[in-house]
Amino acid sequence: MVKGLASDEWNELIIQIMKCKKCDLYRNRKNPVPGEGSRNADLMFIGEAPGAREDETGRPFVGAAGKLLTELIESIGLTRKDVYITNIVKCRPPGNRDPREEEINACLPYLLKQIKLIKPRVIVALGRHAGKTLFELTGLKWINMSRMHGRVFNASIEGVSFKLTVTYHPAAALYNPRLKGSLEKDFRETIKSLLDALRRSREKIRQRTLFEYF
């Protein structure tokens, strides 16, 4: 559980998102979608923007794409409660169109604050818009999804260092089944490997600490 100042900062951030009118997306939204999951998560998923179901419920990834994402998370031994899930843009673009640059820029301070407070060890960008945005934020060169997905990069934002990888958006895999195999492989081989390496590193630290204690 996040306590004290961090909790206060988090609550204030959520209030800011819920009341935000920094771009025109607020005019048509039903509910902003700040994100959900563990605020102490090692693994953070970042999509591009809420869809219709997300706008209805105020929760990220709850439609068909959300069901697939949940299955993928469970396939690597986790649940949605173990990770944090959010989007670059917190309000639904009309007609599920791509978010515009000014909308992304208006929302970025919220995402940056989330990263700073959660301090994830691994960030997975879901889709090309999230991938391009995060790569540019961290000073990495973005090429395209086919070249970048499944690769791992060292990155840092707001003083938080993490492993950054990008994979296909679950909605794209549903629309184009040929991408689903690549998406599943990225979870099975890349994301799970990152988490396994993190666990091994922590176990080594724990064993070394116990050895020094005795």
N, C-alpha and C. Protein backbone atom coordinates (compact mmCIF):
# COMPACT_ATOMS: atom_id res chain seq x y z
N MET A 1 0.84 -1.20 0.00
CA MET A 1 0.00 0.00 0.00
C MET A 1 0.87 1.25 0.00
N VAL A 2 0.50 2.26 -0.75
CA VAL A 2 1.22 3.51 -0.77
C VAL A 2 0.71 4.38 0.37
N LYS A 3 1.60 4.91 1.18
CA LYS A 3 1.19 5.66 2.35
C LYS A 3 1.77 7.06 2.34
N GLY A 4 1.26 7.91 3.27
CA GLY A 4 1.83 9.21 3.49
C GLY A 4 1.78 10.12 2.29
N LEU A 5 2.91 10.80 2.07
CA LEU A 5 2.99 11.79 1.00
C LEU A 5 2.69 11.19 -0.35
N ALA A 6 3.22 9.98 -0.63
CA ALA A 6 3.00 9.36 -1.93
C ALA A 6 1.51 9.12 -2.17
N SER A 7 0.81 8.71 -1.12
CA SER A 7 -0.63 8.49 -1.24
C SER A 7 -1.36 9.79 -1.50
N ASP A 8 -0.96 10.85 -0.82
CA ASP A 8 -1.57 12.16 -1.03
C ASP A 8 -1.33 12.64 -2.46
N GLU A 9 -0.12 12.44 -2.94
CA GLU A 9 0.20 12.84 -4.31
C GLU A 9 -0.63 12.06 -5.32
N TRP A 10 -0.80 10.77 -5.04
CA TRP A 10 -1.59 9.93 -5.94
C TRP A 10 -3.04 10.38 -5.98
N ASN A 11 -3.62 10.61 -4.81
CA ASN A 11 -5.01 11.03 -4.75
C ASN A 11 -5.22 12.36 -5.47
N GLU A 12 -4.29 13.27 -5.30
CA GLU A 12 -4.37 14.57 -5.98
C GLU A 12 -4.26 14.40 -7.49
N LEU A 13 -3.40 13.49 -7.92
CA LEU A 13 -3.25 13.23 -9.35
C LEU A 13 -4.55 12.70 -9.94
N ILE A 14 -5.20 11.77 -9.28
CA ILE A 14 -6.46 11.21 -9.78
C ILE A 14 -7.53 12.29 -9.86
N ILE A 15 -7.58 13.16 -8.86
CA ILE A 15 -8.55 14.26 -8.89
C ILE A 15 -8.29 15.17 -10.08
N GLN A 16 -7.03 15.46 -10.35
CA GLN A 16 -6.68 16.31 -11.49
C GLN A 16 -7.13 15.68 -12.81
N ILE A 17 -6.91 14.39 -12.94
CA ILE A 17 -7.32 13.69 -14.17
C ILE A 17 -8.85 13.72 -14.32
N MET A 18 -9.55 13.48 -13.23
CA MET A 18 -11.00 13.43 -13.28
C MET A 18 -11.62 14.78 -13.64
N LYS A 19 -10.94 15.86 -13.26
CA LYS A 19 -11.47 17.20 -13.52
C LYS A 19 -10.84 17.86 -14.75
N CYS A 20 -9.96 17.17 -15.44
CA CYS A 20 -9.13 17.79 -16.48
C CYS A 20 -9.96 18.34 -17.65
N LYS A 21 -9.59 19.55 -18.07
CA LYS A 21 -10.17 20.18 -19.26
C LYS A 21 -9.07 20.81 -20.11
N LYS A 22 -7.90 20.17 -20.10
CA LYS A 22 -6.74 20.73 -20.79
C LYS A 22 -6.79 20.57 -22.30
N CYS A 23 -7.66 19.67 -22.80
CA CYS A 23 -7.86 19.54 -24.24
C CYS A 23 -9.35 19.31 -24.48
N ASP A 24 -9.76 19.31 -25.73
CA ASP A 24 -11.19 19.22 -26.06
C ASP A 24 -11.80 17.84 -25.82
N LEU A 25 -11.00 16.85 -25.50
CA LEU A 25 -11.57 15.52 -25.30
C LEU A 25 -12.56 15.48 -24.13
N TYR A 26 -12.43 16.39 -23.19
CA TYR A 26 -13.33 16.37 -22.04
C TYR A 26 -14.77 16.67 -22.45
N ARG A 27 -14.96 17.32 -23.58
CA ARG A 27 -16.30 17.74 -23.98
C ARG A 27 -17.22 16.56 -24.29
N ASN A 28 -16.65 15.46 -24.77
CA ASN A 28 -17.47 14.32 -25.17
C ASN A 28 -17.31 13.09 -24.28
N ARG A 29 -16.46 13.17 -23.28
CA ARG A 29 -16.22 12.00 -22.46
C ARG A 29 -17.39 11.75 -21.51
N LYS A 30 -17.58 10.49 -21.15
CA LYS A 30 -18.48 10.12 -20.07
C LYS A 30 -17.68 9.97 -18.78
N ASN A 31 -16.54 9.31 -18.89
CA ASN A 31 -15.67 9.12 -17.74
C ASN A 31 -14.21 9.19 -18.16
N PRO A 32 -13.39 9.97 -17.47
CA PRO A 32 -11.94 9.85 -17.68
C PRO A 32 -11.49 8.47 -17.21
N VAL A 33 -10.36 8.01 -17.72
CA VAL A 33 -9.85 6.68 -17.37
C VAL A 33 -8.41 6.82 -16.88
N PRO A 34 -8.23 7.09 -15.58
CA PRO A 34 -6.87 7.27 -15.06
C PRO A 34 -5.99 6.03 -15.18
N GLY A 35 -6.58 4.85 -14.92
CA GLY A 35 -5.82 3.60 -14.91
C GLY A 35 -6.21 2.80 -13.70
N GLU A 36 -5.70 1.57 -13.61
CA GLU A 36 -6.00 0.75 -12.44
C GLU A 36 -4.93 -0.32 -12.26
N GLY A 37 -4.87 -0.83 -11.03
CA GLY A 37 -3.91 -1.88 -10.71
C GLY A 37 -3.11 -1.53 -9.48
N SER A 38 -1.99 -2.21 -9.32
CA SER A 38 -1.14 -2.01 -8.16
C SER A 38 -0.28 -0.76 -8.33
N ARG A 39 -0.30 0.09 -7.31
CA ARG A 39 0.55 1.29 -7.33
C ARG A 39 1.99 0.95 -6.95
N ASN A 40 2.24 -0.31 -6.62
CA ASN A 40 3.60 -0.78 -6.36
C ASN A 40 4.06 -1.77 -7.43
N ALA A 41 3.43 -1.73 -8.57
CA ALA A 41 3.68 -2.73 -9.61
C ALA A 41 5.09 -2.63 -10.19
N ASP A 42 5.68 -3.80 -10.44
CA ASP A 42 6.94 -3.85 -11.20
C ASP A 42 6.68 -3.66 -12.69
N LEU A 43 5.49 -4.07 -13.13
CA LEU A 43 5.15 -4.10 -14.55
C LEU A 43 4.01 -3.13 -14.83
N MET A 44 4.24 -2.24 -15.79
CA MET A 44 3.25 -1.23 -16.15
C MET A 44 2.95 -1.34 -17.64
N PHE A 45 1.66 -1.42 -17.98
CA PHE A 45 1.22 -1.45 -19.37
C PHE A 45 0.65 -0.08 -19.73
N ILE A 46 1.06 0.44 -20.88
CA ILE A 46 0.59 1.75 -21.32
C ILE A 46 0.06 1.64 -22.74
N GLY A 47 -1.25 1.83 -22.89
CA GLY A 47 -1.88 1.84 -24.21
C GLY A 47 -1.98 3.25 -24.75
N GLU A 48 -2.80 3.44 -25.78
CA GLU A 48 -2.86 4.77 -26.39
C GLU A 48 -4.00 5.62 -25.85
N ALA A 49 -5.23 5.06 -25.76
CA ALA A 49 -6.38 5.85 -25.33
C ALA A 49 -7.55 4.93 -25.00
N PRO A 50 -8.48 5.38 -24.15
CA PRO A 50 -9.66 4.57 -23.85
C PRO A 50 -10.56 4.41 -25.07
N GLY A 51 -11.31 3.29 -25.10
CA GLY A 51 -12.33 3.08 -26.12
C GLY A 51 -13.72 3.30 -25.54
N ALA A 52 -14.73 2.83 -26.25
CA ALA A 52 -16.11 3.07 -25.83
C ALA A 52 -16.43 2.43 -24.49
N ARG A 53 -16.05 1.15 -24.30
CA ARG A 53 -16.34 0.47 -23.04
C ARG A 53 -15.59 1.12 -21.88
N GLU A 54 -14.38 1.55 -22.15
CA GLU A 54 -13.57 2.20 -21.11
C GLU A 54 -14.20 3.54 -20.71
N ASP A 55 -14.70 4.27 -21.71
CA ASP A 55 -15.37 5.54 -21.46
C ASP A 55 -16.64 5.33 -20.63
N GLU A 56 -17.33 4.22 -20.86
CA GLU A 56 -18.55 3.92 -20.11
C GLU A 56 -18.24 3.60 -18.65
N THR A 57 -17.16 2.86 -18.42
CA THR A 57 -16.88 2.33 -17.08
C THR A 57 -15.84 3.12 -16.30
N GLY A 58 -15.01 3.90 -16.99
CA GLY A 58 -13.92 4.59 -16.33
C GLY A 58 -12.74 3.70 -16.02
N ARG A 59 -12.72 2.49 -16.62
CA ARG A 59 -11.64 1.53 -16.40
C ARG A 59 -10.89 1.24 -17.70
N PRO A 60 -9.60 0.99 -17.64
CA PRO A 60 -8.83 0.72 -18.85
C PRO A 60 -8.96 -0.73 -19.31
N PHE A 61 -8.98 -0.95 -20.61
CA PHE A 61 -8.92 -2.29 -21.19
C PHE A 61 -9.97 -3.23 -20.60
N VAL A 62 -11.24 -2.90 -20.82
CA VAL A 62 -12.31 -3.75 -20.31
C VAL A 62 -13.17 -4.34 -21.43
N GLY A 63 -12.94 -3.97 -22.68
CA GLY A 63 -13.67 -4.55 -23.80
C GLY A 63 -13.02 -5.83 -24.27
N ALA A 64 -13.20 -6.14 -25.55
CA ALA A 64 -12.63 -7.36 -26.11
C ALA A 64 -11.11 -7.34 -26.04
N ALA A 65 -10.51 -6.17 -26.33
CA ALA A 65 -9.05 -6.05 -26.23
C ALA A 65 -8.59 -6.23 -24.79
N GLY A 66 -9.40 -5.74 -23.86
CA GLY A 66 -9.06 -5.90 -22.45
C GLY A 66 -9.11 -7.35 -22.01
N LYS A 67 -10.06 -8.11 -22.54
CA LYS A 67 -10.14 -9.53 -22.22
C LYS A 67 -8.89 -10.26 -22.71
N LEU A 68 -8.45 -9.91 -23.92
CA LEU A 68 -7.22 -10.53 -24.44
C LEU A 68 -6.02 -10.13 -23.60
N LEU A 69 -5.93 -8.86 -23.22
CA LEU A 69 -4.81 -8.42 -22.39
C LEU A 69 -4.81 -9.17 -21.06
N THR A 70 -5.97 -9.33 -20.45
CA THR A 70 -6.07 -10.06 -19.19
C THR A 70 -5.56 -11.49 -19.36
N GLU A 71 -5.95 -12.16 -20.44
CA GLU A 71 -5.49 -13.52 -20.71
C GLU A 71 -3.98 -13.56 -20.89
N LEU A 72 -3.42 -12.57 -21.55
CA LEU A 72 -1.97 -12.53 -21.76
C LEU A 72 -1.23 -12.31 -20.45
N ILE A 73 -1.77 -11.43 -19.61
CA ILE A 73 -1.16 -11.20 -18.30
C ILE A 73 -1.17 -12.48 -17.47
N GLU A 74 -2.30 -13.18 -17.50
CA GLU A 74 -2.41 -14.44 -16.74
C GLU A 74 -1.50 -15.52 -17.32
N SER A 75 -1.22 -15.45 -18.62
CA SER A 75 -0.35 -16.46 -19.24
C SER A 75 1.09 -16.38 -18.75
N ILE A 76 1.48 -15.23 -18.17
CA ILE A 76 2.83 -15.09 -17.63
C ILE A 76 2.83 -15.15 -16.10
N GLY A 77 1.74 -15.66 -15.54
CA GLY A 77 1.68 -15.92 -14.11
C GLY A 77 1.28 -14.76 -13.23
N LEU A 78 0.65 -13.74 -13.80
CA LEU A 78 0.22 -12.58 -13.03
C LEU A 78 -1.28 -12.38 -13.18
N THR A 79 -1.82 -11.44 -12.42
CA THR A 79 -3.19 -11.00 -12.58
C THR A 79 -3.20 -9.50 -12.83
N ARG A 80 -4.34 -8.97 -13.20
CA ARG A 80 -4.42 -7.51 -13.40
C ARG A 80 -4.11 -6.75 -12.12
N LYS A 81 -4.37 -7.36 -10.96
CA LYS A 81 -4.09 -6.68 -9.70
C LYS A 81 -2.59 -6.56 -9.43
N ASP A 82 -1.79 -7.36 -10.12
CA ASP A 82 -0.34 -7.35 -9.91
C ASP A 82 0.36 -6.27 -10.73
N VAL A 83 -0.31 -5.75 -11.75
CA VAL A 83 0.31 -4.81 -12.68
C VAL A 83 -0.45 -3.49 -12.63
N TYR A 84 0.07 -2.48 -13.32
CA TYR A 84 -0.70 -1.25 -13.47
C TYR A 84 -0.95 -1.03 -14.96
N ILE A 85 -2.20 -0.68 -15.28
CA ILE A 85 -2.62 -0.53 -16.67
C ILE A 85 -3.18 0.88 -16.87
N THR A 86 -2.67 1.59 -17.86
CA THR A 86 -3.16 2.93 -18.15
C THR A 86 -2.97 3.22 -19.64
N ASN A 87 -3.22 4.47 -20.02
CA ASN A 87 -3.06 4.90 -21.40
C ASN A 87 -2.31 6.21 -21.47
N ILE A 88 -1.77 6.51 -22.63
CA ILE A 88 -1.14 7.80 -22.85
C ILE A 88 -2.16 8.92 -22.66
N VAL A 89 -3.33 8.77 -23.28
CA VAL A 89 -4.42 9.74 -23.20
C VAL A 89 -5.50 9.17 -22.29
N LYS A 90 -6.01 9.97 -21.37
CA LYS A 90 -6.93 9.47 -20.35
C LYS A 90 -8.40 9.59 -20.72
N CYS A 91 -8.74 10.25 -21.81
CA CYS A 91 -10.12 10.38 -22.26
C CYS A 91 -10.27 9.82 -23.67
N ARG A 92 -11.45 9.32 -23.98
CA ARG A 92 -11.67 8.69 -25.27
C ARG A 92 -11.74 9.70 -26.41
N PRO A 93 -10.92 9.53 -27.45
CA PRO A 93 -11.09 10.34 -28.66
C PRO A 93 -12.39 9.94 -29.37
N PRO A 94 -13.13 10.89 -29.91
CA PRO A 94 -14.39 10.58 -30.58
C PRO A 94 -14.22 9.53 -31.68
N GLY A 95 -15.14 8.55 -31.67
CA GLY A 95 -15.09 7.52 -32.69
C GLY A 95 -13.88 6.61 -32.62
N ASN A 96 -13.20 6.65 -31.46
CA ASN A 96 -11.98 5.85 -31.28
C ASN A 96 -10.89 6.21 -32.29
N ARG A 97 -10.89 7.44 -32.75
CA ARG A 97 -9.82 7.88 -33.66
C ARG A 97 -8.50 7.92 -32.91
N ASP A 98 -7.40 8.03 -33.66
CA ASP A 98 -6.08 8.15 -33.05
C ASP A 98 -6.00 9.45 -32.24
N PRO A 99 -5.34 9.41 -31.09
CA PRO A 99 -5.16 10.65 -30.34
C PRO A 99 -4.27 11.63 -31.10
N ARG A 100 -4.61 12.90 -31.03
CA ARG A 100 -3.83 13.94 -31.71
C ARG A 100 -2.66 14.39 -30.85
N GLU A 101 -1.68 14.98 -31.52
CA GLU A 101 -0.46 15.38 -30.81
C GLU A 101 -0.76 16.32 -29.65
N GLU A 102 -1.66 17.27 -29.86
CA GLU A 102 -1.95 18.21 -28.77
C GLU A 102 -2.66 17.53 -27.61
N GLU A 103 -3.43 16.48 -27.90
CA GLU A 103 -4.09 15.72 -26.84
C GLU A 103 -3.08 14.89 -26.05
N ILE A 104 -2.15 14.29 -26.76
CA ILE A 104 -1.09 13.53 -26.11
C ILE A 104 -0.26 14.46 -25.22
N ASN A 105 0.12 15.61 -25.74
CA ASN A 105 0.94 16.54 -24.98
C ASN A 105 0.22 17.06 -23.73
N ALA A 106 -1.10 17.26 -23.85
CA ALA A 106 -1.86 17.74 -22.70
C ALA A 106 -1.91 16.71 -21.59
N CYS A 107 -1.93 15.43 -21.96
CA CYS A 107 -2.08 14.35 -20.99
C CYS A 107 -0.75 13.83 -20.44
N LEU A 108 0.33 14.09 -21.11
CA LEU A 108 1.62 13.51 -20.72
C LEU A 108 2.03 13.78 -19.27
N PRO A 109 1.79 14.99 -18.74
CA PRO A 109 2.19 15.21 -17.34
C PRO A 109 1.55 14.21 -16.37
N TYR A 110 0.34 13.77 -16.66
CA TYR A 110 -0.32 12.78 -15.80
C TYR A 110 0.40 11.44 -15.87
N LEU A 111 0.75 11.02 -17.08
CA LEU A 111 1.47 9.75 -17.24
C LEU A 111 2.84 9.82 -16.58
N LEU A 112 3.53 10.92 -16.75
CA LEU A 112 4.85 11.07 -16.15
C LEU A 112 4.77 10.99 -14.63
N LYS A 113 3.73 11.58 -14.07
CA LYS A 113 3.56 11.53 -12.62
C LYS A 113 3.24 10.11 -12.16
N GLN A 114 2.44 9.40 -12.94
CA GLN A 114 2.15 8.01 -12.60
C GLN A 114 3.42 7.17 -12.57
N ILE A 115 4.25 7.34 -13.59
CA ILE A 115 5.52 6.60 -13.64
C ILE A 115 6.39 6.95 -12.44
N LYS A 116 6.45 8.23 -12.10
CA LYS A 116 7.28 8.67 -10.99
C LYS A 116 6.81 8.08 -9.67
N LEU A 117 5.49 7.97 -9.49
CA LEU A 117 4.96 7.45 -8.23
C LEU A 117 5.01 5.93 -8.15
N ILE A 118 4.73 5.26 -9.26
CA ILE A 118 4.71 3.79 -9.27
C ILE A 118 6.12 3.22 -9.29
N LYS A 119 7.01 3.86 -10.02
CA LYS A 119 8.39 3.39 -10.17
C LYS A 119 8.45 1.95 -10.72
N PRO A 120 7.84 1.69 -11.86
CA PRO A 120 7.86 0.33 -12.42
C PRO A 120 9.27 -0.07 -12.85
N ARG A 121 9.54 -1.35 -12.83
CA ARG A 121 10.83 -1.84 -13.31
C ARG A 121 10.77 -2.21 -14.79
N VAL A 122 9.55 -2.49 -15.27
CA VAL A 122 9.33 -2.83 -16.68
C VAL A 122 8.11 -2.07 -17.17
N ILE A 123 8.24 -1.40 -18.31
CA ILE A 123 7.10 -0.75 -18.96
C ILE A 123 6.90 -1.37 -20.33
N VAL A 124 5.67 -1.77 -20.59
CA VAL A 124 5.30 -2.33 -21.88
C VAL A 124 4.37 -1.35 -22.59
N ALA A 125 4.81 -0.83 -23.72
CA ALA A 125 3.96 0.04 -24.53
C ALA A 125 3.12 -0.84 -25.45
N LEU A 126 1.82 -0.60 -25.44
CA LEU A 126 0.89 -1.38 -26.25
C LEU A 126 0.47 -0.57 -27.47
N GLY A 127 1.04 -0.91 -28.62
CA GLY A 127 0.68 -0.22 -29.85
C GLY A 127 1.67 0.86 -30.24
N ARG A 128 1.58 1.27 -31.50
CA ARG A 128 2.58 2.19 -32.05
C ARG A 128 2.50 3.59 -31.46
N HIS A 129 1.30 4.07 -31.13
CA HIS A 129 1.20 5.42 -30.56
C HIS A 129 1.87 5.48 -29.20
N ALA A 130 1.60 4.48 -28.36
CA ALA A 130 2.24 4.43 -27.04
C ALA A 130 3.74 4.20 -27.20
N GLY A 131 4.12 3.31 -28.12
CA GLY A 131 5.53 3.04 -28.34
C GLY A 131 6.28 4.27 -28.79
N LYS A 132 5.78 4.95 -29.80
CA LYS A 132 6.44 6.14 -30.33
C LYS A 132 6.55 7.22 -29.25
N THR A 133 5.48 7.43 -28.50
CA THR A 133 5.49 8.46 -27.46
C THR A 133 6.53 8.15 -26.39
N LEU A 134 6.57 6.91 -25.91
CA LEU A 134 7.51 6.55 -24.85
C LEU A 134 8.94 6.55 -25.33
N PHE A 135 9.15 6.11 -26.56
CA PHE A 135 10.52 6.14 -27.09
C PHE A 135 11.02 7.57 -27.20
N GLU A 136 10.18 8.46 -27.68
CA GLU A 136 10.60 9.85 -27.81
C GLU A 136 10.83 10.50 -26.45
N LEU A 137 10.01 10.15 -25.47
CA LEU A 137 10.18 10.69 -24.13
C LEU A 137 11.51 10.27 -23.51
N THR A 138 11.95 9.06 -23.83
CA THR A 138 13.18 8.53 -23.23
C THR A 138 14.41 8.75 -24.11
N GLY A 139 14.24 9.45 -25.22
CA GLY A 139 15.37 9.75 -26.10
C GLY A 139 15.81 8.60 -26.97
N LEU A 140 14.93 7.60 -27.12
CA LEU A 140 15.24 6.46 -27.98
C LEU A 140 14.68 6.68 -29.38
N LYS A 141 15.29 6.07 -30.35
CA LYS A 141 14.85 6.24 -31.73
C LYS A 141 13.73 5.26 -32.06
N TRP A 142 12.61 5.80 -32.50
CA TRP A 142 11.47 4.96 -32.91
C TRP A 142 11.54 4.72 -34.41
N ILE A 143 11.35 3.46 -34.82
CA ILE A 143 11.34 3.13 -36.25
C ILE A 143 9.92 2.76 -36.66
N ASN A 144 9.49 1.56 -36.31
CA ASN A 144 8.12 1.12 -36.54
C ASN A 144 7.86 -0.12 -35.70
N MET A 145 6.61 -0.54 -35.65
CA MET A 145 6.24 -1.66 -34.80
C MET A 145 6.92 -2.96 -35.21
N SER A 146 6.96 -3.22 -36.52
CA SER A 146 7.52 -4.50 -36.97
C SER A 146 9.00 -4.62 -36.60
N ARG A 147 9.69 -3.49 -36.54
CA ARG A 147 11.12 -3.51 -36.19
C ARG A 147 11.36 -3.46 -34.68
N MET A 148 10.44 -2.83 -33.94
CA MET A 148 10.72 -2.54 -32.54
C MET A 148 10.09 -3.54 -31.56
N HIS A 149 9.01 -4.21 -31.96
CA HIS A 149 8.31 -5.04 -30.99
C HIS A 149 9.19 -6.21 -30.53
N GLY A 150 9.05 -6.53 -29.26
CA GLY A 150 9.79 -7.65 -28.69
C GLY A 150 11.22 -7.35 -28.31
N ARG A 151 11.70 -6.15 -28.61
CA ARG A 151 13.06 -5.76 -28.20
C ARG A 151 13.02 -5.05 -26.86
N VAL A 152 14.14 -5.06 -26.15
CA VAL A 152 14.21 -4.48 -24.82
C VAL A 152 15.23 -3.35 -24.80
N PHE A 153 14.86 -2.24 -24.17
CA PHE A 153 15.72 -1.07 -24.11
C PHE A 153 15.81 -0.58 -22.67
N ASN A 154 16.98 -0.08 -22.31
CA ASN A 154 17.14 0.60 -21.03
C ASN A 154 16.63 2.03 -21.18
N ALA A 155 15.78 2.46 -20.25
CA ALA A 155 15.17 3.77 -20.38
C ALA A 155 15.01 4.41 -19.01
N SER A 156 14.75 5.71 -19.01
CA SER A 156 14.57 6.44 -17.76
C SER A 156 13.63 7.62 -18.00
N ILE A 157 12.69 7.80 -17.08
CA ILE A 157 11.76 8.93 -17.11
C ILE A 157 11.55 9.42 -15.68
N GLU A 158 11.61 10.72 -15.47
CA GLU A 158 11.35 11.30 -14.15
C GLU A 158 12.22 10.67 -13.06
N GLY A 159 13.47 10.34 -13.43
CA GLY A 159 14.38 9.73 -12.48
C GLY A 159 14.14 8.27 -12.21
N VAL A 160 13.20 7.66 -12.91
CA VAL A 160 12.87 6.24 -12.74
C VAL A 160 13.49 5.46 -13.90
N SER A 161 14.37 4.51 -13.59
CA SER A 161 14.99 3.67 -14.61
C SER A 161 14.21 2.37 -14.74
N PHE A 162 14.04 1.91 -15.98
CA PHE A 162 13.25 0.70 -16.22
C PHE A 162 13.63 0.09 -17.56
N LYS A 163 13.16 -1.12 -17.78
CA LYS A 163 13.27 -1.77 -19.07
C LYS A 163 12.03 -1.42 -19.88
N LEU A 164 12.23 -1.00 -21.10
CA LEU A 164 11.12 -0.61 -21.96
C LEU A 164 11.02 -1.56 -23.15
N THR A 165 9.82 -2.07 -23.38
CA THR A 165 9.58 -2.88 -24.56
C THR A 165 8.22 -2.50 -25.12
N VAL A 166 8.01 -2.80 -26.38
CA VAL A 166 6.75 -2.47 -27.05
C VAL A 166 6.23 -3.70 -27.76
N THR A 167 4.92 -3.86 -27.76
CA THR A 167 4.30 -4.95 -28.48
C THR A 167 3.01 -4.45 -29.13
N TYR A 168 2.39 -5.30 -29.90
CA TYR A 168 1.18 -4.90 -30.60
C TYR A 168 0.03 -4.65 -29.62
N HIS A 169 -0.81 -3.70 -29.95
CA HIS A 169 -2.00 -3.45 -29.14
C HIS A 169 -2.94 -4.65 -29.28
N PRO A 170 -3.52 -5.11 -28.17
CA PRO A 170 -4.45 -6.25 -28.27
C PRO A 170 -5.58 -6.03 -29.27
N ALA A 171 -6.05 -4.79 -29.42
CA ALA A 171 -7.11 -4.52 -30.39
C ALA A 171 -6.63 -4.78 -31.81
N ALA A 172 -5.36 -4.48 -32.08
CA ALA A 172 -4.81 -4.73 -33.41
C ALA A 172 -4.74 -6.23 -33.68
N ALA A 173 -4.42 -7.00 -32.64
CA ALA A 173 -4.34 -8.46 -32.80
C ALA A 173 -5.72 -9.07 -33.04
N LEU A 174 -6.75 -8.47 -32.46
CA LEU A 174 -8.11 -8.94 -32.70
C LEU A 174 -8.57 -8.60 -34.11
N TYR A 175 -8.16 -7.42 -34.58
CA TYR A 175 -8.53 -6.97 -35.91
C TYR A 175 -7.76 -7.73 -36.99
N ASN A 176 -6.50 -8.04 -36.68
CA ASN A 176 -5.63 -8.74 -37.61
C ASN A 176 -5.03 -9.96 -36.90
N PRO A 177 -5.68 -11.12 -37.00
CA PRO A 177 -5.24 -12.31 -36.26
C PRO A 177 -3.79 -12.71 -36.53
N ARG A 178 -3.22 -12.29 -37.64
CA ARG A 178 -1.82 -12.63 -37.92
C ARG A 178 -0.87 -12.02 -36.89
N LEU A 179 -1.32 -10.94 -36.24
CA LEU A 179 -0.48 -10.29 -35.24
C LEU A 179 -0.55 -10.97 -33.87
N LYS A 180 -1.58 -11.80 -33.68
CA LYS A 180 -1.80 -12.37 -32.35
C LYS A 180 -0.63 -13.27 -31.94
N GLY A 181 -0.10 -14.03 -32.88
CA GLY A 181 1.04 -14.89 -32.56
C GLY A 181 2.25 -14.09 -32.11
N SER A 182 2.50 -12.96 -32.77
CA SER A 182 3.62 -12.10 -32.37
C SER A 182 3.38 -11.51 -30.99
N LEU A 183 2.14 -11.10 -30.73
CA LEU A 183 1.79 -10.54 -29.42
C LEU A 183 1.99 -11.59 -28.33
N GLU A 184 1.52 -12.80 -28.55
CA GLU A 184 1.68 -13.86 -27.56
C GLU A 184 3.15 -14.20 -27.35
N LYS A 185 3.93 -14.20 -28.43
CA LYS A 185 5.36 -14.49 -28.32
C LYS A 185 6.08 -13.41 -27.52
N ASP A 186 5.71 -12.14 -27.74
CA ASP A 186 6.33 -11.05 -26.99
C ASP A 186 6.06 -11.21 -25.49
N PHE A 187 4.85 -11.61 -25.14
CA PHE A 187 4.54 -11.84 -23.72
C PHE A 187 5.32 -13.04 -23.20
N ARG A 188 5.28 -14.12 -23.94
CA ARG A 188 5.88 -15.38 -23.48
C ARG A 188 7.40 -15.30 -23.39
N GLU A 189 8.02 -14.66 -24.36
CA GLU A 189 9.49 -14.66 -24.41
C GLU A 189 10.11 -13.39 -23.85
N THR A 190 9.59 -12.24 -24.23
CA THR A 190 10.23 -10.99 -23.81
C THR A 190 9.78 -10.54 -22.43
N ILE A 191 8.48 -10.36 -22.24
CA ILE A 191 7.98 -9.81 -20.98
C ILE A 191 8.22 -10.78 -19.83
N LYS A 192 7.92 -12.04 -20.04
CA LYS A 192 8.15 -13.03 -18.97
C LYS A 192 9.64 -13.13 -18.63
N SER A 193 10.50 -13.06 -19.64
CA SER A 193 11.95 -13.13 -19.38
C SER A 193 12.41 -11.95 -18.53
N LEU A 194 11.86 -10.77 -18.79
CA LEU A 194 12.21 -9.60 -17.99
C LEU A 194 11.79 -9.77 -16.54
N LEU A 195 10.61 -10.29 -16.34
CA LEU A 195 10.12 -10.51 -14.98
C LEU A 195 10.92 -11.60 -14.27
N ASP A 196 11.26 -12.66 -14.99
CA ASP A 196 12.07 -13.74 -14.40
C ASP A 196 13.44 -13.21 -13.99
N ALA A 197 14.04 -12.38 -14.83
CA ALA A 197 15.35 -11.80 -14.51
C ALA A 197 15.26 -10.91 -13.28
N LEU A 198 14.16 -10.17 -13.15
CA LEU A 198 13.96 -9.31 -11.99
C LEU A 198 13.83 -10.14 -10.72
N ARG A 199 13.10 -11.23 -10.81
CA ARG A 199 12.95 -12.11 -9.64
C ARG A 199 14.28 -12.73 -9.23
N ARG A 200 15.06 -13.17 -10.22
CA ARG A 200 16.37 -13.76 -9.91
C ARG A 200 17.29 -12.75 -9.25
N SER A 201 17.25 -11.52 -9.74
CA SER A 201 18.08 -10.47 -9.17
C SER A 201 17.71 -10.20 -7.72
N ARG A 202 16.43 -10.17 -7.44
CA ARG A 202 15.97 -9.93 -6.07
C ARG A 202 16.32 -11.09 -5.16
N GLU A 203 16.24 -12.31 -5.69
CA GLU A 203 16.58 -13.48 -4.89
C GLU A 203 18.07 -13.46 -4.53
N LYS A 204 18.91 -13.06 -5.47
CA LYS A 204 20.34 -12.98 -5.19
C LYS A 204 20.62 -11.94 -4.10
N ILE A 205 19.92 -10.81 -4.19
CA ILE A 205 20.10 -9.77 -3.17
C ILE A 205 19.65 -10.28 -1.81
N ARG A 206 18.52 -10.99 -1.78
CA ARG A 206 17.99 -11.54 -0.52
C ARG A 206 18.96 -12.54 0.08
N GLN A 207 19.52 -13.43 -0.76
CA GLN A 207 20.44 -14.44 -0.28
C GLN A 207 21.73 -13.80 0.23
N ARG A 208 22.21 -12.79 -0.49
CA ARG A 208 23.43 -12.11 -0.06
C ARG A 208 23.22 -11.40 1.27
N THR A 209 22.04 -10.79 1.42
CA THR A 209 21.72 -10.10 2.67
C THR A 209 21.65 -11.08 3.83
N LEU A 210 21.03 -12.24 3.60
CA LEU A 210 20.96 -13.26 4.65
C LEU A 210 22.34 -13.79 5.01
N PHE A 211 23.21 -13.98 4.02
CA PHE A 211 24.56 -14.46 4.25
C PHE A 211 25.35 -13.46 5.09
N GLU A 212 25.20 -12.18 4.77
CA GLU A 212 25.92 -11.15 5.53
C GLU A 212 25.40 -11.05 6.96
N TYR A 213 24.10 -11.32 7.11
CA TYR A 213 23.49 -11.25 8.44
C TYR A 213 24.07 -12.32 9.36
N PHE A 214 24.26 -13.52 8.79
CA PHE A 214 24.77 -14.62 9.59
C PHE A 214 26.30 -14.59 9.64
